[in-house]
Structures are given as C-alpha cells and as structure tokens.
C-alpha cells in the first residue's frame, strides 16, 4: 500500500478488500426492502434511520452527524491507523483519517452518509466501521470502541437506533 494520505486501491487490493467484505458481512446488495439489511450486522453494532435528514433545508444535523462519525472513526483507529473507504461499484480508497479533512489537508474520500450508493468505512482489521445503506436510508456503526465514542451524539441527532446487533427493536 502506498504511503499517500489517500490512495486509491489498485485492482488486486480492491478485489481482496471487497471479497473479504462480502464474505465477512454477507453483503447482499438490493433495492428491495425484503432483502434488508444488506449486511449481517455485527454483534457490536447499532443502526439508525436517516430518513429525517433529507427534509432538513440547511443540513445542520446532517453535517453534524457526518462530523461525529468521522471523528469517531478517526479516534477508533488511533493515531497511525488507516481506513478503507468503499463505494459500491466505484473506486475504493485507503487513507489516514487523522491526516484528512483539516485545513490544507485532502478531503475524506467519501462521506458516512450514503448519498446514492453504499458507502462503507472499515478499519484495516474490519472490526470498526460504518455501513451506509442508500435505499433503506440507514447507517450502521460497528465496533464497541466506535459506539462508545459516538452513540450518545448520534442518538441526539437521529433518535434511538432501529436495530442493535442486527436485531430490530419493536415499534413504540
């Protein structure tokens, strides 16, 4: 892998990362609700609905959500960790989150908010990350360390999760 802050994955690495993701998360891309969620959500996970965000005219809550998730991912991988950023059927990247998004730094390669496609962030060991589902309009965050850092703030923006550990909560 390159020493670049943000590096596009070369074909062999791209296939290796996606193949591992498909296998470990049992990824089943689909636009049909009967096939959702599109991954087997990890035990240490929480999934929130994003349906309230597009109606917001000034995107304050969306921007805050994206900032919280990015900060949580950055702190969860540590000062020298790297993340994979996957955009289904598009280029994928590996990057140093602590070296992006600031003044005079490159932008994050994707957003945690799934804007039209599956957007996925994964730590190098696949134990921490996010899975944005554009058609279900949901965001799954996984890895206990990440959840410990962001859950309270995410709940203030989005409300209670719709699933924990892949199990749906009963409707109130």
N, C-alpha and C. Protein backbone atom coordinates (compact mmCIF):
# COMPACT_ATOMS: atom_id res chain seq x y z
N UNK A 1 0.84 -1.18 0.00
CA UNK A 1 0.00 0.00 0.00
C UNK A 1 0.88 1.23 0.00
N UNK A 2 0.44 2.24 -0.63
CA UNK A 2 1.14 3.50 -0.78
C UNK A 2 1.22 4.24 0.56
N UNK A 3 2.20 5.13 0.67
CA UNK A 3 2.32 5.99 1.84
C UNK A 3 1.49 7.26 1.70
N UNK A 4 0.74 7.39 0.60
CA UNK A 4 -0.10 8.56 0.39
C UNK A 4 -1.14 8.66 1.50
N UNK A 5 -1.54 9.89 1.80
CA UNK A 5 -2.58 10.10 2.81
C UNK A 5 -3.87 9.43 2.34
N UNK A 6 -4.25 9.65 1.08
CA UNK A 6 -5.42 9.00 0.48
C UNK A 6 -4.93 8.31 -0.79
N UNK A 7 -5.09 7.00 -0.85
CA UNK A 7 -4.62 6.25 -2.02
C UNK A 7 -5.76 5.38 -2.57
N UNK A 8 -6.00 5.49 -3.87
CA UNK A 8 -6.98 4.62 -4.50
C UNK A 8 -6.43 3.20 -4.50
N UNK A 9 -7.29 2.24 -4.15
CA UNK A 9 -6.86 0.84 -4.13
C UNK A 9 -6.61 0.35 -5.54
N UNK A 10 -5.49 -0.33 -5.72
CA UNK A 10 -5.21 -0.97 -7.00
C UNK A 10 -6.10 -2.19 -7.14
N UNK A 11 -6.24 -2.69 -8.35
CA UNK A 11 -7.21 -3.74 -8.66
C UNK A 11 -7.12 -4.95 -7.74
N UNK A 12 -5.92 -5.47 -7.50
CA UNK A 12 -5.78 -6.67 -6.66
C UNK A 12 -6.24 -6.40 -5.23
N UNK A 13 -5.83 -5.27 -4.68
CA UNK A 13 -6.23 -4.90 -3.32
C UNK A 13 -7.72 -4.58 -3.27
N UNK A 14 -8.24 -3.93 -4.28
CA UNK A 14 -9.67 -3.63 -4.37
C UNK A 14 -10.49 -4.93 -4.28
N UNK A 15 -10.10 -5.90 -5.08
CA UNK A 15 -10.82 -7.19 -5.07
C UNK A 15 -10.67 -7.91 -3.74
N UNK A 16 -9.48 -7.87 -3.16
CA UNK A 16 -9.25 -8.53 -1.86
C UNK A 16 -10.13 -7.93 -0.78
N UNK A 17 -10.19 -6.60 -0.71
CA UNK A 17 -10.98 -5.92 0.32
C UNK A 17 -12.47 -6.18 0.11
N UNK A 18 -12.94 -6.02 -1.12
CA UNK A 18 -14.37 -6.25 -1.39
C UNK A 18 -14.74 -7.72 -1.16
N UNK A 19 -13.91 -8.66 -1.60
CA UNK A 19 -14.20 -10.08 -1.37
C UNK A 19 -14.31 -10.38 0.12
N UNK A 20 -13.40 -9.83 0.90
CA UNK A 20 -13.44 -10.05 2.35
C UNK A 20 -14.70 -9.41 2.95
N UNK A 21 -15.06 -8.22 2.48
CA UNK A 21 -16.27 -7.57 2.99
C UNK A 21 -17.51 -8.42 2.66
N UNK A 22 -17.62 -8.84 1.40
CA UNK A 22 -18.76 -9.69 1.02
C UNK A 22 -18.83 -10.93 1.92
N UNK A 23 -17.72 -11.56 2.17
CA UNK A 23 -17.70 -12.79 2.96
C UNK A 23 -17.99 -12.54 4.44
N UNK A 24 -17.26 -11.63 5.05
CA UNK A 24 -17.39 -11.43 6.50
C UNK A 24 -18.73 -10.80 6.89
N UNK A 25 -19.27 -9.93 6.03
CA UNK A 25 -20.52 -9.25 6.36
C UNK A 25 -21.72 -9.81 5.61
N UNK A 26 -21.47 -10.84 4.79
CA UNK A 26 -22.52 -11.47 3.98
C UNK A 26 -23.31 -10.40 3.22
N UNK A 27 -22.59 -9.52 2.55
CA UNK A 27 -23.16 -8.39 1.84
C UNK A 27 -24.07 -8.87 0.73
N UNK A 28 -25.31 -8.36 0.74
CA UNK A 28 -26.34 -8.69 -0.24
C UNK A 28 -26.94 -7.39 -0.78
N UNK A 29 -26.31 -6.77 -1.76
CA UNK A 29 -26.85 -5.51 -2.27
C UNK A 29 -28.23 -5.72 -2.88
N UNK A 30 -29.16 -4.83 -2.53
CA UNK A 30 -30.50 -4.94 -3.07
C UNK A 30 -31.28 -3.65 -2.80
N UNK A 31 -32.15 -3.30 -3.73
CA UNK A 31 -33.05 -2.17 -3.54
C UNK A 31 -34.37 -2.60 -2.91
N UNK A 32 -34.55 -3.90 -2.68
CA UNK A 32 -35.82 -4.44 -2.20
C UNK A 32 -35.83 -4.58 -0.68
N UNK A 33 -36.80 -3.95 -0.02
CA UNK A 33 -36.87 -3.99 1.45
C UNK A 33 -36.87 -5.41 2.03
N UNK A 34 -37.43 -6.37 1.32
CA UNK A 34 -37.44 -7.75 1.83
C UNK A 34 -36.03 -8.31 2.01
N UNK A 35 -35.05 -7.70 1.36
CA UNK A 35 -33.67 -8.18 1.43
C UNK A 35 -32.80 -7.36 2.38
N UNK A 36 -33.39 -6.45 3.12
CA UNK A 36 -32.63 -5.61 4.04
C UNK A 36 -32.64 -6.21 5.43
N UNK A 37 -31.66 -5.94 6.25
CA UNK A 37 -30.47 -5.15 5.95
C UNK A 37 -29.57 -5.88 4.96
N UNK A 38 -28.73 -5.14 4.31
CA UNK A 38 -27.89 -5.68 3.23
C UNK A 38 -26.63 -6.37 3.73
N UNK A 39 -26.40 -6.30 5.04
CA UNK A 39 -25.25 -6.99 5.64
C UNK A 39 -25.74 -7.72 6.89
N UNK A 40 -24.96 -8.67 7.32
CA UNK A 40 -25.17 -9.24 8.64
C UNK A 40 -24.48 -8.29 9.60
N UNK A 41 -25.28 -7.57 10.35
CA UNK A 41 -24.73 -6.54 11.23
C UNK A 41 -24.01 -7.19 12.41
N UNK A 42 -22.81 -6.69 12.72
CA UNK A 42 -22.02 -7.29 13.79
C UNK A 42 -22.71 -7.19 15.15
N UNK A 43 -22.24 -8.01 16.09
CA UNK A 43 -22.79 -8.00 17.45
C UNK A 43 -22.64 -6.62 18.07
N UNK A 44 -21.49 -6.02 17.94
CA UNK A 44 -21.26 -4.68 18.47
C UNK A 44 -21.64 -3.65 17.42
N UNK A 45 -22.96 -3.48 17.19
CA UNK A 45 -23.41 -2.53 16.17
C UNK A 45 -24.71 -1.88 16.59
N UNK A 46 -24.95 -0.72 16.00
CA UNK A 46 -26.24 -0.04 16.13
C UNK A 46 -26.53 0.58 14.77
N UNK A 47 -27.80 0.54 14.38
CA UNK A 47 -28.22 1.06 13.08
C UNK A 47 -29.33 2.08 13.29
N UNK A 48 -29.13 3.24 12.66
CA UNK A 48 -30.08 4.34 12.77
C UNK A 48 -30.73 4.62 11.44
N UNK A 49 -31.97 5.07 11.47
CA UNK A 49 -32.65 5.55 10.27
C UNK A 49 -32.14 6.95 9.94
N UNK A 50 -31.94 7.20 8.67
CA UNK A 50 -31.51 8.52 8.20
C UNK A 50 -32.66 9.29 7.56
N UNK A 51 -33.86 8.76 7.64
CA UNK A 51 -35.00 9.32 6.90
C UNK A 51 -35.35 10.76 7.26
N UNK A 52 -35.01 11.19 8.46
CA UNK A 52 -35.36 12.56 8.85
C UNK A 52 -34.38 13.59 8.29
N UNK A 53 -33.23 13.17 7.81
CA UNK A 53 -32.21 14.14 7.40
C UNK A 53 -32.46 14.82 6.06
N UNK A 54 -32.92 14.15 5.00
CA UNK A 54 -33.08 14.85 3.72
C UNK A 54 -34.09 15.99 3.76
N UNK A 55 -35.02 15.98 4.70
CA UNK A 55 -36.04 17.02 4.78
C UNK A 55 -35.51 18.31 5.40
N UNK A 56 -34.30 18.27 5.90
CA UNK A 56 -33.73 19.42 6.59
C UNK A 56 -33.14 20.39 5.55
N UNK A 57 -33.66 21.61 5.46
CA UNK A 57 -33.21 22.51 4.39
C UNK A 57 -31.76 22.98 4.52
N UNK A 58 -31.25 23.16 5.71
CA UNK A 58 -29.89 23.72 5.85
C UNK A 58 -28.83 22.68 6.21
N UNK A 59 -29.21 21.43 6.34
CA UNK A 59 -28.30 20.31 6.56
C UNK A 59 -27.46 20.41 7.84
N UNK A 60 -27.90 21.14 8.81
CA UNK A 60 -27.13 21.29 10.05
C UNK A 60 -26.97 19.94 10.75
N UNK A 61 -28.06 19.20 10.89
CA UNK A 61 -27.97 17.90 11.57
C UNK A 61 -27.16 16.90 10.75
N UNK A 62 -27.33 16.91 9.42
CA UNK A 62 -26.55 16.02 8.56
C UNK A 62 -25.06 16.33 8.69
N UNK A 63 -24.72 17.59 8.60
CA UNK A 63 -23.30 17.97 8.73
C UNK A 63 -22.75 17.56 10.09
N UNK A 64 -23.54 17.75 11.13
CA UNK A 64 -23.08 17.37 12.48
C UNK A 64 -22.92 15.85 12.58
N UNK A 65 -23.84 15.09 12.02
CA UNK A 65 -23.74 13.63 12.02
C UNK A 65 -22.47 13.17 11.33
N UNK A 66 -22.21 13.71 10.15
CA UNK A 66 -21.01 13.34 9.39
C UNK A 66 -19.76 13.66 10.20
N UNK A 67 -19.73 14.82 10.83
CA UNK A 67 -18.58 15.22 11.64
C UNK A 67 -18.37 14.26 12.81
N UNK A 68 -19.44 13.90 13.49
CA UNK A 68 -19.35 12.99 14.65
C UNK A 68 -18.82 11.62 14.22
N UNK A 69 -19.36 11.09 13.14
CA UNK A 69 -18.93 9.76 12.68
C UNK A 69 -17.47 9.80 12.23
N UNK A 70 -17.07 10.82 11.50
CA UNK A 70 -15.68 10.93 11.08
C UNK A 70 -14.75 11.02 12.28
N UNK A 71 -15.10 11.83 13.27
CA UNK A 71 -14.27 11.95 14.47
C UNK A 71 -14.20 10.62 15.21
N UNK A 72 -15.33 9.91 15.29
CA UNK A 72 -15.35 8.62 15.97
C UNK A 72 -14.50 7.59 15.25
N UNK A 73 -14.60 7.53 13.94
CA UNK A 73 -13.78 6.59 13.17
C UNK A 73 -12.30 6.92 13.35
N UNK A 74 -11.96 8.20 13.31
CA UNK A 74 -10.57 8.62 13.46
C UNK A 74 -10.02 8.20 14.82
N UNK A 75 -10.79 8.46 15.87
CA UNK A 75 -10.29 8.10 17.20
C UNK A 75 -10.25 6.58 17.40
N UNK A 76 -11.15 5.87 16.74
CA UNK A 76 -11.20 4.41 16.91
C UNK A 76 -10.03 3.68 16.26
N UNK A 77 -9.44 4.25 15.22
CA UNK A 77 -8.31 3.58 14.57
C UNK A 77 -6.97 4.06 15.13
N UNK A 78 -6.99 5.10 15.94
CA UNK A 78 -5.77 5.56 16.58
C UNK A 78 -4.94 6.47 15.71
N UNK A 79 -3.83 6.96 16.27
CA UNK A 79 -3.04 7.98 15.58
C UNK A 79 -2.33 7.51 14.32
N UNK A 80 -2.13 6.21 14.17
CA UNK A 80 -1.42 5.71 12.98
C UNK A 80 -2.27 4.76 12.15
N UNK A 81 -3.55 4.61 12.53
CA UNK A 81 -4.42 3.69 11.81
C UNK A 81 -4.88 4.24 10.48
N UNK A 82 -5.33 3.34 9.64
CA UNK A 82 -5.85 3.70 8.32
C UNK A 82 -7.23 3.09 8.18
N UNK A 83 -8.01 3.67 7.29
CA UNK A 83 -9.35 3.19 6.98
C UNK A 83 -9.45 2.86 5.50
N UNK A 84 -10.32 1.91 5.20
CA UNK A 84 -10.75 1.69 3.84
C UNK A 84 -12.04 2.47 3.64
N UNK A 85 -12.20 3.09 2.50
CA UNK A 85 -13.43 3.77 2.12
C UNK A 85 -13.93 3.10 0.85
N UNK A 86 -15.09 2.43 0.95
CA UNK A 86 -15.64 1.67 -0.16
C UNK A 86 -16.93 2.32 -0.67
N UNK A 87 -17.01 2.47 -1.95
CA UNK A 87 -18.18 3.00 -2.64
C UNK A 87 -18.55 1.91 -3.65
N UNK A 88 -19.68 1.24 -3.42
CA UNK A 88 -20.04 0.07 -4.20
C UNK A 88 -19.97 0.34 -5.70
N UNK A 89 -19.21 -0.49 -6.40
CA UNK A 89 -19.01 -0.46 -7.85
C UNK A 89 -18.32 0.82 -8.34
N UNK A 90 -17.53 1.42 -7.47
CA UNK A 90 -16.75 2.61 -7.78
C UNK A 90 -15.37 2.46 -7.16
N UNK A 91 -14.45 3.37 -7.43
CA UNK A 91 -13.13 3.27 -6.81
C UNK A 91 -13.23 3.22 -5.28
N UNK A 92 -12.26 2.54 -4.69
CA UNK A 92 -12.16 2.43 -3.23
C UNK A 92 -10.80 2.99 -2.81
N UNK A 93 -10.70 3.36 -1.55
CA UNK A 93 -9.51 4.05 -1.08
C UNK A 93 -9.06 3.48 0.26
N UNK A 94 -7.78 3.72 0.55
CA UNK A 94 -7.27 3.54 1.90
C UNK A 94 -6.66 4.88 2.28
N UNK A 95 -6.89 5.30 3.53
CA UNK A 95 -6.42 6.62 3.90
C UNK A 95 -6.17 6.72 5.40
N UNK A 96 -5.44 7.75 5.76
CA UNK A 96 -5.14 8.07 7.15
C UNK A 96 -6.15 9.12 7.61
N UNK A 97 -7.16 8.75 8.41
CA UNK A 97 -8.21 9.71 8.75
C UNK A 97 -7.71 10.91 9.56
N UNK A 98 -6.64 10.71 10.30
CA UNK A 98 -6.10 11.82 11.08
C UNK A 98 -5.40 12.86 10.20
N UNK A 99 -5.17 12.53 8.94
CA UNK A 99 -4.47 13.44 8.02
C UNK A 99 -5.36 14.00 6.92
N UNK A 100 -6.68 13.90 7.09
CA UNK A 100 -7.61 14.42 6.09
C UNK A 100 -8.66 15.30 6.77
N UNK A 101 -9.26 16.14 5.96
CA UNK A 101 -10.41 16.91 6.44
C UNK A 101 -10.09 18.20 7.17
N UNK A 102 -8.83 18.44 7.47
CA UNK A 102 -8.46 19.66 8.16
C UNK A 102 -7.97 20.72 7.20
N UNK A 103 -7.60 21.88 7.74
CA UNK A 103 -7.07 22.94 6.88
C UNK A 103 -5.84 22.45 6.11
N UNK A 104 -5.84 22.73 4.83
CA UNK A 104 -4.72 22.37 3.94
C UNK A 104 -4.46 20.86 3.89
N UNK A 105 -5.49 20.07 4.18
CA UNK A 105 -5.41 18.61 4.06
C UNK A 105 -6.40 18.16 2.99
N UNK A 106 -6.17 16.98 2.40
CA UNK A 106 -7.16 16.46 1.46
C UNK A 106 -8.50 16.18 2.15
N UNK A 107 -9.57 16.15 1.38
CA UNK A 107 -10.88 15.79 1.92
C UNK A 107 -10.95 14.29 2.19
N UNK A 108 -11.92 13.90 3.03
CA UNK A 108 -12.22 12.48 3.17
C UNK A 108 -12.66 11.98 1.79
N UNK A 109 -12.30 10.75 1.43
CA UNK A 109 -12.67 10.26 0.10
C UNK A 109 -14.17 10.02 -0.07
N UNK A 110 -14.91 9.79 1.00
CA UNK A 110 -16.36 9.60 0.95
C UNK A 110 -16.95 10.21 2.22
N UNK A 111 -18.26 10.18 2.29
CA UNK A 111 -18.98 10.61 3.49
C UNK A 111 -19.60 9.38 4.14
N UNK A 112 -19.77 9.39 5.46
CA UNK A 112 -20.52 8.29 6.08
C UNK A 112 -21.99 8.26 5.64
N UNK A 113 -22.50 9.40 5.15
CA UNK A 113 -23.87 9.46 4.69
C UNK A 113 -23.96 8.87 3.28
N UNK A 114 -24.78 7.83 3.09
CA UNK A 114 -24.85 7.14 1.79
C UNK A 114 -25.65 7.94 0.76
N UNK A 115 -24.98 8.72 -0.01
CA UNK A 115 -25.62 9.61 -0.97
C UNK A 115 -25.72 8.93 -2.34
N UNK A 116 -26.66 7.99 -2.47
CA UNK A 116 -26.91 7.36 -3.75
C UNK A 116 -26.29 6.00 -3.94
N UNK A 117 -25.42 5.57 -3.06
CA UNK A 117 -24.80 4.26 -3.15
C UNK A 117 -24.38 3.80 -1.76
N UNK A 118 -24.01 2.54 -1.64
CA UNK A 118 -23.49 2.04 -0.37
C UNK A 118 -22.14 2.70 -0.11
N UNK A 119 -21.99 3.36 1.02
CA UNK A 119 -20.72 3.95 1.45
C UNK A 119 -20.29 3.22 2.71
N UNK A 120 -19.07 2.70 2.70
CA UNK A 120 -18.58 1.86 3.78
C UNK A 120 -17.21 2.33 4.21
N UNK A 121 -17.02 2.43 5.51
CA UNK A 121 -15.70 2.68 6.08
C UNK A 121 -15.35 1.49 6.94
N UNK A 122 -14.11 1.03 6.82
CA UNK A 122 -13.65 -0.14 7.58
C UNK A 122 -12.24 0.10 8.10
N UNK A 123 -12.01 -0.30 9.34
CA UNK A 123 -10.64 -0.33 9.83
C UNK A 123 -9.91 -1.44 9.09
N UNK A 124 -8.61 -1.43 9.15
CA UNK A 124 -7.84 -2.44 8.40
C UNK A 124 -8.16 -3.87 8.85
N UNK A 125 -8.56 -4.04 10.12
CA UNK A 125 -8.91 -5.38 10.61
C UNK A 125 -10.41 -5.68 10.47
N UNK A 126 -11.20 -4.74 9.91
CA UNK A 126 -12.63 -4.88 9.66
C UNK A 126 -13.47 -4.92 10.94
N UNK A 127 -12.90 -4.57 12.08
CA UNK A 127 -13.66 -4.66 13.34
C UNK A 127 -14.40 -3.38 13.69
N UNK A 128 -14.03 -2.28 13.07
CA UNK A 128 -14.67 -0.99 13.33
C UNK A 128 -15.05 -0.39 11.99
N UNK A 129 -16.23 0.23 11.94
CA UNK A 129 -16.58 0.89 10.69
C UNK A 129 -18.01 1.36 10.64
N UNK A 130 -18.41 1.72 9.42
CA UNK A 130 -19.77 2.19 9.17
C UNK A 130 -20.25 1.61 7.84
N UNK A 131 -21.55 1.43 7.78
CA UNK A 131 -22.18 0.93 6.56
C UNK A 131 -23.41 1.79 6.29
N UNK A 132 -23.33 2.62 5.26
CA UNK A 132 -24.45 3.46 4.88
C UNK A 132 -25.24 2.82 3.76
N UNK A 133 -26.53 2.60 4.00
CA UNK A 133 -27.42 1.96 3.03
C UNK A 133 -28.32 3.02 2.40
N UNK A 134 -28.14 3.31 1.09
CA UNK A 134 -28.88 4.43 0.49
C UNK A 134 -30.37 4.19 0.30
N UNK A 135 -30.80 2.96 0.11
CA UNK A 135 -32.21 2.69 -0.16
C UNK A 135 -32.98 2.43 1.13
N UNK A 136 -32.36 1.81 2.09
CA UNK A 136 -33.01 1.67 3.40
C UNK A 136 -32.93 3.00 4.14
N UNK A 137 -32.02 3.86 3.71
CA UNK A 137 -31.75 5.13 4.37
C UNK A 137 -31.38 4.88 5.83
N UNK A 138 -30.27 4.12 5.97
CA UNK A 138 -29.82 3.77 7.31
C UNK A 138 -28.30 3.87 7.39
N UNK A 139 -27.83 3.96 8.62
CA UNK A 139 -26.41 4.00 8.91
C UNK A 139 -26.14 3.03 10.05
N UNK A 140 -25.34 2.00 9.76
CA UNK A 140 -24.91 1.04 10.77
C UNK A 140 -23.49 1.39 11.19
N UNK A 141 -23.29 1.58 12.48
CA UNK A 141 -21.96 1.80 13.03
C UNK A 141 -21.60 0.58 13.85
N UNK A 142 -20.36 0.11 13.71
CA UNK A 142 -19.99 -1.10 14.43
C UNK A 142 -18.59 -1.00 15.00
N UNK A 143 -18.39 -1.82 16.02
CA UNK A 143 -17.16 -1.80 16.80
C UNK A 143 -17.46 -1.09 18.12
N UNK A 144 -17.27 -1.78 19.23
CA UNK A 144 -17.64 -1.20 20.51
C UNK A 144 -16.93 0.12 20.79
N UNK A 145 -15.67 0.21 20.40
CA UNK A 145 -14.93 1.44 20.63
C UNK A 145 -15.59 2.62 19.92
N UNK A 146 -16.01 2.43 18.68
CA UNK A 146 -16.70 3.48 17.93
C UNK A 146 -18.04 3.81 18.58
N UNK A 147 -18.81 2.79 18.92
CA UNK A 147 -20.11 3.03 19.54
C UNK A 147 -19.98 3.78 20.86
N UNK A 148 -18.97 3.44 21.65
CA UNK A 148 -18.75 4.13 22.92
C UNK A 148 -18.52 5.63 22.71
N UNK A 149 -17.86 5.97 21.61
CA UNK A 149 -17.49 7.37 21.34
C UNK A 149 -18.66 8.16 20.74
N UNK A 150 -19.47 7.55 19.87
CA UNK A 150 -20.43 8.33 19.08
C UNK A 150 -21.90 8.11 19.41
N UNK A 151 -22.27 7.03 20.05
CA UNK A 151 -23.70 6.69 20.18
C UNK A 151 -24.55 7.79 20.79
N UNK A 152 -24.12 8.39 21.86
CA UNK A 152 -24.93 9.43 22.51
C UNK A 152 -25.18 10.60 21.56
N UNK A 153 -24.14 11.06 20.88
CA UNK A 153 -24.29 12.18 19.96
C UNK A 153 -25.15 11.80 18.75
N UNK A 154 -24.96 10.60 18.22
CA UNK A 154 -25.76 10.17 17.07
C UNK A 154 -27.24 10.07 17.47
N UNK A 155 -27.51 9.55 18.67
CA UNK A 155 -28.90 9.45 19.13
C UNK A 155 -29.53 10.83 19.31
N UNK A 156 -28.76 11.83 19.70
CA UNK A 156 -29.30 13.19 19.82
C UNK A 156 -29.73 13.73 18.46
N UNK A 157 -29.06 13.30 17.41
CA UNK A 157 -29.38 13.78 16.07
C UNK A 157 -30.47 12.93 15.42
N UNK A 158 -30.37 11.61 15.54
CA UNK A 158 -31.25 10.70 14.79
C UNK A 158 -32.30 9.99 15.64
N UNK A 159 -32.19 10.09 16.95
CA UNK A 159 -33.10 9.34 17.81
C UNK A 159 -32.53 7.96 18.09
N UNK A 160 -33.35 7.11 18.67
CA UNK A 160 -32.92 5.77 19.04
C UNK A 160 -32.61 4.93 17.80
N UNK A 161 -31.66 4.00 17.93
CA UNK A 161 -31.39 3.10 16.80
C UNK A 161 -32.61 2.25 16.45
N UNK A 162 -32.70 1.85 15.20
CA UNK A 162 -33.77 0.94 14.78
C UNK A 162 -33.35 -0.51 14.98
N UNK A 163 -32.05 -0.76 15.04
CA UNK A 163 -31.52 -2.11 15.31
C UNK A 163 -30.27 -2.00 16.17
N UNK A 164 -30.09 -3.00 16.99
CA UNK A 164 -28.83 -3.21 17.72
C UNK A 164 -28.42 -4.65 17.48
N UNK A 165 -27.15 -4.83 17.18
CA UNK A 165 -26.62 -6.19 16.92
C UNK A 165 -27.45 -6.91 15.86
N UNK A 166 -27.99 -6.14 14.91
CA UNK A 166 -28.77 -6.73 13.82
C UNK A 166 -30.19 -7.08 14.18
N UNK A 167 -30.60 -6.81 15.41
CA UNK A 167 -31.98 -7.13 15.84
C UNK A 167 -32.82 -5.86 15.87
N UNK A 168 -33.97 -5.92 15.20
CA UNK A 168 -34.87 -4.78 15.12
C UNK A 168 -35.57 -4.60 16.45
N UNK A 169 -35.74 -3.34 16.85
CA UNK A 169 -36.48 -3.02 18.07
C UNK A 169 -37.96 -3.01 17.75
N UNK A 170 -38.79 -3.38 18.72
CA UNK A 170 -40.23 -3.26 18.48
C UNK A 170 -40.60 -1.78 18.35
N UNK A 171 -41.60 -1.50 17.54
CA UNK A 171 -42.06 -0.12 17.37
C UNK A 171 -42.68 0.36 18.67
N UNK A 172 -42.50 1.64 19.01
CA UNK A 172 -43.10 2.15 20.26
C UNK A 172 -44.59 2.29 20.14
